[in-house]
């Protein structure tokens, strides 16, 4: 079985080197994927000069084209985002807007360039909204051509209006940890299947 590539886009609002709960959960997803012949990396989007827009390149030093190249080199894309006001972060929404450009990008056989790639989501926050955020992100990834495996989401939410970060919440093997393992197993399984059996030409 070939080793596949995964990319986690960390959509925290905090630039490096500030601690990021989304980064912690995203790295746990990468560790779980490694058990299924998938290696990868994480990019903290806010560390790059990504412009607002809905094209593949907004010009003038836009940081998105370099990130997009890594997405295209990967078979799995994981969006890791915090919850703010029950919503995905503004950085996450900007990423989804940039991915909208993929609706105009096709391969030599007329398929969207994202066909054959698999999407997943990891969500953290100190308030309700994990299911809503998961629904928004997975629907957007599906809209622009990513495939979605069963249970392709993992999340942790603390007490509403609480101060505890994911890193300080203690071991969670039977909840978030279990969901992360399932996400990794199913997402890797689907990605390997699509390498062997790609979608038909358009």
Protein backbone atom coordinates (compact mmCIF):
# COMPACT_ATOMS: atom_id res chain seq x y z
CA UNK A 1 0.00 0.00 0.00
CA UNK A 2 1.52 3.34 -1.02
CA UNK A 3 2.12 6.07 1.55
CA UNK A 4 -0.25 8.96 0.98
CA UNK A 5 0.13 12.61 1.89
CA UNK A 6 -2.12 14.64 4.21
CA UNK A 7 -2.27 18.38 4.81
CA UNK A 8 -3.82 19.97 7.90
CA UNK A 9 -4.79 23.62 7.58
CA UNK A 10 -4.84 25.12 11.07
CA UNK A 11 -7.37 27.94 11.00
CA UNK A 12 -6.60 29.43 14.42
CA UNK A 13 -6.70 33.20 14.71
CA UNK A 14 -3.38 33.18 16.58
CA UNK A 15 -0.07 33.60 14.70
CA UNK A 16 2.87 31.40 15.65
CA UNK A 17 4.28 30.75 18.18
CA UNK A 18 1.10 31.27 20.24
CA UNK A 19 -0.38 28.02 21.59
CA UNK A 20 -3.26 26.71 19.49
CA UNK A 21 -5.80 24.09 20.50
CA UNK A 22 -6.68 23.59 16.83
CA UNK A 23 -3.02 22.82 16.19
CA UNK A 24 -2.96 20.26 18.99
CA UNK A 25 -6.01 18.42 17.68
CA UNK A 26 -4.73 18.68 14.12
CA UNK A 27 -1.44 17.09 15.12
CA UNK A 28 -3.35 14.30 16.86
CA UNK A 29 -5.15 13.68 13.56
CA UNK A 30 -1.80 13.51 11.73
CA UNK A 31 -0.48 11.04 14.31
CA UNK A 32 -3.56 8.85 13.86
CA UNK A 33 -3.26 9.01 10.07
CA UNK A 34 0.34 7.81 10.33
CA UNK A 35 -1.04 4.46 11.51
CA UNK A 36 -2.69 4.09 8.08
CA UNK A 37 0.22 4.77 5.72
CA UNK A 38 -0.37 8.52 5.59
CA UNK A 39 2.26 11.14 6.36
CA UNK A 40 1.73 14.86 6.33
CA UNK A 41 2.23 18.34 7.63
CA UNK A 42 0.36 21.25 9.14
CA UNK A 43 0.18 24.84 7.95
CA UNK A 44 -1.00 27.62 10.25
CA UNK A 45 -2.83 29.71 7.67
CA UNK A 46 -2.62 33.00 9.58
CA UNK A 47 1.18 32.84 9.36
CA UNK A 48 0.88 33.34 5.59
CA UNK A 49 -0.29 36.39 3.66
CA UNK A 50 -3.43 34.77 2.28
CA UNK A 51 -5.67 37.31 0.59
CA UNK A 52 -9.43 37.41 0.58
CA UNK A 53 -10.92 36.26 -2.70
CA UNK A 54 -12.34 33.37 -4.68
CA UNK A 55 -9.59 32.75 -7.24
CA UNK A 56 -6.57 30.44 -7.14
CA UNK A 57 -4.25 33.47 -7.06
CA UNK A 58 -5.21 36.96 -5.96
CA UNK A 59 -1.80 38.31 -7.01
CA UNK A 60 0.44 40.85 -5.29
CA UNK A 61 2.24 38.34 -3.09
CA UNK A 62 -0.83 36.26 -2.21
CA UNK A 63 0.17 33.36 0.04
CA UNK A 64 -2.61 31.03 -1.14
CA UNK A 65 -0.97 29.60 -4.30
CA UNK A 66 1.82 27.98 -2.27
CA UNK A 67 -0.73 26.50 0.12
CA UNK A 68 -2.88 25.35 -2.78
CA UNK A 69 0.12 23.55 -4.29
CA UNK A 70 0.45 21.55 -1.06
CA UNK A 71 -3.28 20.75 -1.15
CA UNK A 72 -2.87 19.44 -4.68
CA UNK A 73 0.14 17.35 -3.61
CA UNK A 74 -1.90 15.75 -0.83
CA UNK A 75 -4.64 13.13 -0.94
CA UNK A 76 -6.19 14.20 2.36
CA UNK A 77 -7.10 17.71 3.49
CA UNK A 78 -8.01 18.29 7.14
CA UNK A 79 -9.45 21.63 8.21
CA UNK A 80 -8.74 22.30 11.90
CA UNK A 81 -10.70 25.23 13.27
CA UNK A 82 -11.74 26.79 16.55
CA UNK A 83 -15.34 27.79 17.22
CA UNK A 84 -16.15 31.49 17.60
CA UNK A 85 -19.77 32.55 18.24
CA UNK A 86 -20.88 29.09 17.18
CA UNK A 87 -19.17 29.48 13.80
CA UNK A 88 -15.96 28.34 12.09
CA UNK A 89 -13.19 30.90 12.52
CA UNK A 90 -12.92 33.74 10.03
CA UNK A 91 -9.67 32.17 8.81
CA UNK A 92 -11.52 28.93 8.14
CA UNK A 93 -14.20 30.77 6.18
CA UNK A 94 -11.52 32.52 4.12
CA UNK A 95 -9.96 29.12 3.32
CA UNK A 96 -13.33 27.79 2.18
CA UNK A 97 -13.82 30.87 0.01
CA UNK A 98 -10.44 30.31 -1.62
CA UNK A 99 -11.33 26.66 -2.24
CA UNK A 100 -14.37 27.87 -4.19
CA UNK A 101 -11.97 28.53 -7.06
CA UNK A 102 -11.54 24.77 -7.47
CA UNK A 103 -14.96 24.64 -9.14
CA UNK A 104 -13.23 26.03 -12.25
CA UNK A 105 -10.14 23.78 -12.12
CA UNK A 106 -10.28 20.49 -14.02
CA UNK A 107 -7.86 17.75 -15.00
CA UNK A 108 -7.16 16.39 -18.50
CA UNK A 109 -10.27 14.20 -18.33
CA UNK A 110 -12.64 16.96 -17.28
CA UNK A 111 -12.88 16.06 -13.59
CA UNK A 112 -12.49 18.68 -10.88
CA UNK A 113 -8.87 18.75 -9.73
CA UNK A 114 -10.06 17.98 -6.21
CA UNK A 115 -11.75 14.72 -7.27
CA UNK A 116 -9.97 11.80 -5.62
CA UNK A 117 -8.99 13.88 -2.60
CA UNK A 118 -10.63 13.34 0.77
CA UNK A 119 -11.64 15.99 3.30
CA UNK A 120 -12.07 15.92 7.07
CA UNK A 121 -12.50 18.40 9.91
CA UNK A 122 -11.23 18.87 13.48
CA UNK A 123 -13.01 21.36 15.75
CA UNK A 124 -12.20 22.82 19.19
CA UNK A 125 -13.86 25.43 21.37
CA UNK A 126 -15.25 26.51 24.73
CA UNK A 127 -18.83 26.72 23.54
CA UNK A 128 -21.47 24.77 21.67
CA UNK A 129 -21.29 24.63 17.90
CA UNK A 130 -19.08 21.67 16.98
CA UNK A 131 -21.83 19.95 14.97
CA UNK A 132 -22.73 23.17 13.19
CA UNK A 133 -19.10 23.91 12.32
CA UNK A 134 -18.57 20.33 11.13
CA UNK A 135 -21.64 20.56 8.91
CA UNK A 136 -20.53 23.86 7.36
CA UNK A 137 -16.99 22.73 6.64
CA UNK A 138 -17.77 19.23 5.35
CA UNK A 139 -20.55 20.55 3.12
CA UNK A 140 -18.19 23.16 1.66
CA UNK A 141 -15.47 20.56 1.04
CA UNK A 142 -18.01 18.31 -0.68
CA UNK A 143 -19.26 21.23 -2.79
CA UNK A 144 -15.79 21.87 -4.22
CA UNK A 145 -15.07 18.22 -5.04
CA UNK A 146 -13.57 16.56 -1.98
CA UNK A 147 -14.91 13.16 -0.96
CA UNK A 148 -16.04 12.68 2.64
CA UNK A 149 -15.62 9.40 4.51
CA UNK A 150 -17.95 8.16 7.24
CA UNK A 151 -17.38 9.95 10.58
CA UNK A 152 -14.85 12.33 9.02
CA UNK A 153 -14.88 14.71 11.98
CA UNK A 154 -13.42 14.95 15.46
CA UNK A 155 -14.02 17.63 18.07
CA UNK A 156 -13.64 18.78 21.63
CA UNK A 157 -15.72 21.45 23.32
CA UNK A 158 -15.24 22.67 26.86
CA UNK A 159 -17.80 24.20 29.17
CA UNK A 160 -19.59 27.16 27.63
CA UNK A 161 -17.81 30.42 28.54
CA UNK A 162 -15.13 28.34 30.24
CA UNK A 163 -11.40 29.00 30.31
CA UNK A 164 -10.02 25.46 29.91
CA UNK A 165 -8.03 24.86 26.72
CA UNK A 166 -7.98 21.50 24.97
CA UNK A 167 -4.35 21.02 26.04
CA UNK A 168 -5.36 21.33 29.70
CA UNK A 169 -8.50 19.20 29.57
CA UNK A 170 -6.77 15.90 30.36
CA UNK A 171 -6.82 12.57 28.50
CA UNK A 172 -9.87 11.99 26.29
CA UNK A 173 -9.29 8.49 24.85
CA UNK A 174 -12.95 7.45 24.83
CA UNK A 175 -14.37 10.64 23.30
CA UNK A 176 -12.24 12.94 21.15
CA UNK A 177 -9.47 10.34 20.95
CA UNK A 178 -11.84 7.67 19.68
CA UNK A 179 -13.37 10.04 17.13
CA UNK A 180 -9.91 11.02 15.91
CA UNK A 181 -8.93 7.38 15.38
CA UNK A 182 -12.14 6.71 13.45
CA UNK A 183 -11.66 9.83 11.32
CA UNK A 184 -8.13 8.72 10.46
CA UNK A 185 -9.01 5.12 9.68
CA UNK A 186 -11.99 5.92 7.47
CA UNK A 187 -10.44 8.92 5.73
CA UNK A 188 -7.24 7.00 4.93
CA UNK A 189 -9.29 4.00 3.78
CA UNK A 190 -11.28 6.12 1.32
CA UNK A 191 -8.18 7.96 0.10
CA UNK A 192 -6.40 4.67 -0.64
CA UNK A 193 -9.49 3.36 -2.46
CA UNK A 194 -9.68 6.45 -4.66
CA UNK A 195 -6.02 6.12 -5.63
CA UNK A 196 -6.76 2.61 -6.91
CA UNK A 197 -10.20 3.39 -8.35
CA UNK A 198 -10.43 7.05 -9.42
CA UNK A 199 -13.69 8.67 -10.39
CA UNK A 200 -14.69 8.26 -14.05
CA UNK A 201 -13.93 10.98 -16.59
CA UNK A 202 -16.48 13.76 -16.86
